[in-house]
Amino acid sequence: MARYRYFSMSVETEAVKTVAGLMALAARTAPKACGLDSIAIEIVTGKEQDRIAEKMIQIAKDTGVVFFRINGEQVKASDATVLIGVNGEKTTGLNCGGCGQVSCIDMAKAYAAAKSHKTDYKGPNCIFKISDLGIAVGSAVKTASIHNVDNRVMYTAGVAAMKLGMLKGCSLVYGIPLKASGRNVFWAAPVEH
């Protein structure tokens, strides 16, 4: 029995890594506003993933925001994590006002001024770039779902990855941890024995 479990988990973990690659493909080919691609994608496993999890747990200790710790423990228990980010500082030049500024030039000025703020993300961001990120993330998690890989979109994992210097140039990042197991580590409550 123990031999089967070891073999089974190895196969499942490798399958999850394959699905992570398919998720990256789905995110890359997802539709983009004006056909301009500002999406960045990275797949992390092992020590890199553990670094993100530890950073999330540290953020929870530093801020008192408990769900960073909970999510950090979930990332640590995962087989892989897909990071998807966007450079929302880039604009389309449409002056649409969706970012809350009058023009793209005003948005760029406001973004430059916000770089000194101590917030998780800097903004304002181009609404089209943020929409692109949402579509890319949606395409990626759809792909995970089609292949029956448990996953969860985490703002917390994205914040930790950015604080660790991952996906440089991105103004907003989400992390999507992945796990293949008999119990969904992201949603199911622990079973009491």
Protein backbone atom coordinates (compact mmCIF):
# COMPACT_ATOMS: atom_id res chain seq x y z
CA MET A 1 0.00 0.00 0.00
CA ALA A 2 2.73 2.52 0.91
CA ARG A 3 4.57 1.80 -2.35
CA TYR A 4 1.43 2.54 -4.38
CA ARG A 5 0.86 5.83 -2.56
CA TYR A 6 4.39 7.03 -3.25
CA PHE A 7 4.15 6.10 -6.91
CA SER A 8 0.68 7.62 -7.21
CA MET A 9 1.67 10.97 -5.69
CA SER A 10 4.71 11.21 -7.94
CA VAL A 11 2.56 10.67 -11.03
CA GLU A 12 -0.07 13.12 -9.80
CA THR A 13 2.53 15.79 -9.01
CA GLU A 14 4.03 15.45 -12.49
CA ALA A 15 0.54 15.70 -13.99
CA VAL A 16 -0.08 18.91 -12.02
CA LYS A 17 3.15 20.39 -13.43
CA THR A 18 1.96 19.51 -16.95
CA VAL A 19 -1.37 21.22 -16.27
CA ALA A 20 0.51 24.27 -14.93
CA GLY A 21 2.20 24.51 -18.33
CA LEU A 22 -1.17 24.27 -20.07
CA MET A 23 -2.48 27.01 -17.78
CA ALA A 24 0.44 29.24 -18.79
CA LEU A 25 -0.43 28.57 -22.42
CA ALA A 26 -4.10 29.44 -21.81
CA ALA A 27 -3.12 32.68 -20.06
CA ARG A 28 -0.70 33.65 -22.83
CA THR A 29 -3.21 33.07 -25.63
CA ALA A 30 -6.17 34.66 -23.81
CA PRO A 31 -7.61 37.70 -25.62
CA LYS A 32 -5.90 41.04 -24.87
CA ALA A 33 -7.30 44.57 -25.26
CA CYS A 34 -6.04 46.21 -28.45
CA GLY A 35 -3.95 43.06 -29.05
CA LEU A 36 -1.23 44.37 -26.70
CA ASP A 37 0.27 41.72 -24.41
CA SER A 38 1.53 42.94 -21.01
CA ILE A 39 1.00 39.63 -19.21
CA ALA A 40 3.85 37.86 -17.37
CA ILE A 41 3.65 34.22 -16.30
CA GLU A 42 5.87 32.08 -14.10
CA ILE A 43 5.44 28.56 -12.70
CA VAL A 44 7.06 27.90 -9.32
CA THR A 45 7.58 24.66 -7.43
CA GLY A 46 9.78 23.37 -4.62
CA LYS A 47 11.99 25.92 -2.86
CA GLU A 48 10.69 28.87 -4.89
CA GLN A 49 7.12 28.00 -3.92
CA ASP A 50 8.17 27.54 -0.28
CA ARG A 51 9.75 31.01 -0.33
CA ILE A 52 6.41 32.48 -1.40
CA ALA A 53 4.55 30.51 1.30
CA GLU A 54 7.00 31.64 4.00
CA LYS A 55 6.69 35.26 2.84
CA MET A 56 2.90 35.00 3.07
CA ILE A 57 3.16 33.64 6.61
CA GLN A 58 5.58 36.44 7.53
CA ILE A 59 3.21 39.06 6.10
CA ALA A 60 0.47 37.62 8.33
CA LYS A 61 2.73 37.95 11.39
CA ASP A 62 3.73 41.50 10.45
CA THR A 63 0.23 42.76 9.61
CA GLY A 64 -2.11 40.57 11.66
CA VAL A 65 -4.03 39.68 8.48
CA VAL A 66 -4.71 36.02 9.23
CA PHE A 67 -5.72 34.87 5.76
CA PHE A 68 -2.15 35.49 4.53
CA ARG A 69 -1.07 32.70 6.93
CA ILE A 70 -3.91 30.39 5.92
CA ASN A 71 -3.17 30.92 2.23
CA GLY A 72 0.57 30.51 2.91
CA GLU A 73 -0.02 27.11 4.44
CA GLN A 74 -2.13 26.16 1.42
CA VAL A 75 0.62 27.25 -1.00
CA LYS A 76 3.16 25.24 1.01
CA ALA A 77 0.93 22.14 0.63
CA SER A 78 0.56 22.64 -3.14
CA ASP A 79 2.29 20.80 -5.99
CA ALA A 80 2.93 23.97 -8.05
CA THR A 81 1.90 27.61 -8.21
CA VAL A 82 1.22 29.59 -11.38
CA LEU A 83 1.95 33.31 -11.07
CA ILE A 84 0.23 35.63 -13.53
CA GLY A 85 0.87 39.36 -13.50
CA VAL A 86 0.45 42.43 -15.65
CA ASN A 87 2.22 45.70 -16.20
CA GLY A 88 -0.76 47.98 -15.58
CA GLU A 89 1.44 51.05 -15.72
CA LYS A 90 1.47 50.80 -19.52
CA THR A 91 -1.48 52.49 -21.14
CA THR A 92 -3.30 52.02 -24.43
CA GLY A 93 -3.39 55.77 -25.14
CA LEU A 94 -7.19 55.77 -25.40
CA ASN A 95 -7.78 58.36 -22.63
CA CYS A 96 -10.92 56.42 -21.62
CA GLY A 97 -10.92 57.45 -17.94
CA GLY A 98 -11.46 53.87 -16.74
CA CYS A 99 -8.48 54.15 -14.38
CA GLY A 100 -10.03 57.14 -12.65
CA GLN A 101 -7.80 59.69 -14.32
CA VAL A 102 -8.72 62.12 -17.10
CA SER A 103 -6.03 60.93 -19.51
CA CYS A 104 -3.36 58.27 -19.91
CA ILE A 105 -0.74 60.95 -19.24
CA ASP A 106 -2.48 61.81 -15.94
CA MET A 107 -2.57 58.10 -15.07
CA ALA A 108 1.17 57.78 -15.66
CA LYS A 109 1.82 60.79 -13.41
CA ALA A 110 -0.43 59.39 -10.67
CA TYR A 111 1.26 55.98 -10.95
CA ALA A 112 4.72 57.56 -10.62
CA ALA A 113 3.56 59.46 -7.52
CA ALA A 114 2.14 56.26 -5.98
CA LYS A 115 5.44 54.33 -6.19
CA SER A 116 6.37 55.62 -2.72
CA HIS A 117 3.09 54.42 -1.14
CA LYS A 118 3.34 51.43 1.19
CA THR A 119 0.46 49.47 -0.32
CA ASP A 120 0.32 45.96 -1.73
CA TYR A 121 -0.16 47.22 -5.28
CA LYS A 122 0.67 50.51 -6.94
CA GLY A 123 -1.88 52.35 -9.01
CA PRO A 124 -3.76 53.61 -10.76
CA ASN A 125 -3.55 50.89 -13.38
CA CYS A 126 -4.85 50.88 -16.94
CA ILE A 127 -8.32 49.33 -16.82
CA PHE A 128 -7.65 47.46 -20.06
CA LYS A 129 -4.49 45.86 -18.62
CA ILE A 130 -6.32 44.84 -15.45
CA SER A 131 -9.12 43.37 -17.59
CA ASP A 132 -6.46 41.47 -19.58
CA LEU A 133 -5.14 40.03 -16.31
CA GLY A 134 -8.63 38.90 -15.28
CA ILE A 135 -9.21 37.19 -18.62
CA ALA A 136 -5.78 35.49 -18.47
CA VAL A 137 -6.39 34.26 -14.90
CA GLY A 138 -9.87 33.04 -15.87
CA SER A 139 -8.48 31.14 -18.85
CA ALA A 140 -5.81 29.56 -16.65
CA VAL A 141 -8.18 28.37 -13.92
CA LYS A 142 -10.62 27.09 -16.54
CA THR A 143 -7.78 24.94 -17.85
CA ALA A 144 -7.00 23.64 -14.35
CA SER A 145 -10.67 22.82 -13.84
CA ILE A 146 -10.94 20.95 -17.15
CA HIS A 147 -8.05 18.76 -15.97
CA ASN A 148 -9.50 18.27 -12.44
CA VAL A 149 -6.67 20.05 -10.63
CA ASP A 150 -7.75 21.79 -7.42
CA ASN A 151 -6.78 25.45 -7.47
CA ARG A 152 -7.53 28.83 -6.01
CA VAL A 153 -6.78 32.35 -7.19
CA MET A 154 -4.84 34.14 -4.43
CA TYR A 155 -4.15 37.83 -4.20
CA THR A 156 -2.00 36.98 -1.16
CA ALA A 157 0.39 34.74 -3.14
CA GLY A 158 0.75 37.46 -5.76
CA VAL A 159 1.62 40.09 -3.16
CA ALA A 160 4.25 37.81 -1.60
CA ALA A 161 5.75 36.99 -5.01
CA MET A 162 6.04 40.69 -5.84
CA LYS A 163 7.67 41.43 -2.47
CA LEU A 164 10.22 38.70 -3.29
CA GLY A 165 11.02 40.41 -6.61
CA MET A 166 9.26 37.91 -8.87
CA LEU A 167 7.57 39.00 -12.12
CA LYS A 168 9.53 42.24 -12.26
CA GLY A 169 7.75 45.07 -14.00
CA CYS A 170 4.29 43.87 -12.99
CA SER A 171 2.08 46.20 -11.00
CA LEU A 172 -0.38 43.46 -10.03
CA VAL A 173 0.15 39.69 -9.65
CA TYR A 174 -2.10 36.79 -8.69
CA GLY A 175 -0.90 33.36 -7.59
CA ILE A 176 -2.78 30.17 -8.43
CA PRO A 177 -1.60 27.24 -6.29
CA LEU A 178 -2.41 23.77 -7.63
CA LYS A 179 -2.89 20.47 -5.84
CA ALA A 180 -3.95 16.93 -6.74
CA SER A 181 -5.16 15.06 -3.67
CA GLY A 182 -8.17 13.23 -2.30
CA ARG A 183 -9.26 16.37 -0.43
CA ASN A 184 -9.26 19.92 -1.76
CA VAL A 185 -6.69 21.71 0.45
CA PHE A 186 -8.09 25.11 -0.57
CA TRP A 187 -11.73 24.68 0.47
CA ALA A 188 -12.48 21.47 2.38
CA ALA A 189 -12.47 21.58 6.17
CA PRO A 190 -10.08 19.15 7.87
CA VAL A 191 -11.62 15.83 8.76
CA GLU A 192 -11.82 15.21 12.53
CA HIS A 193 -10.80 11.71 13.68
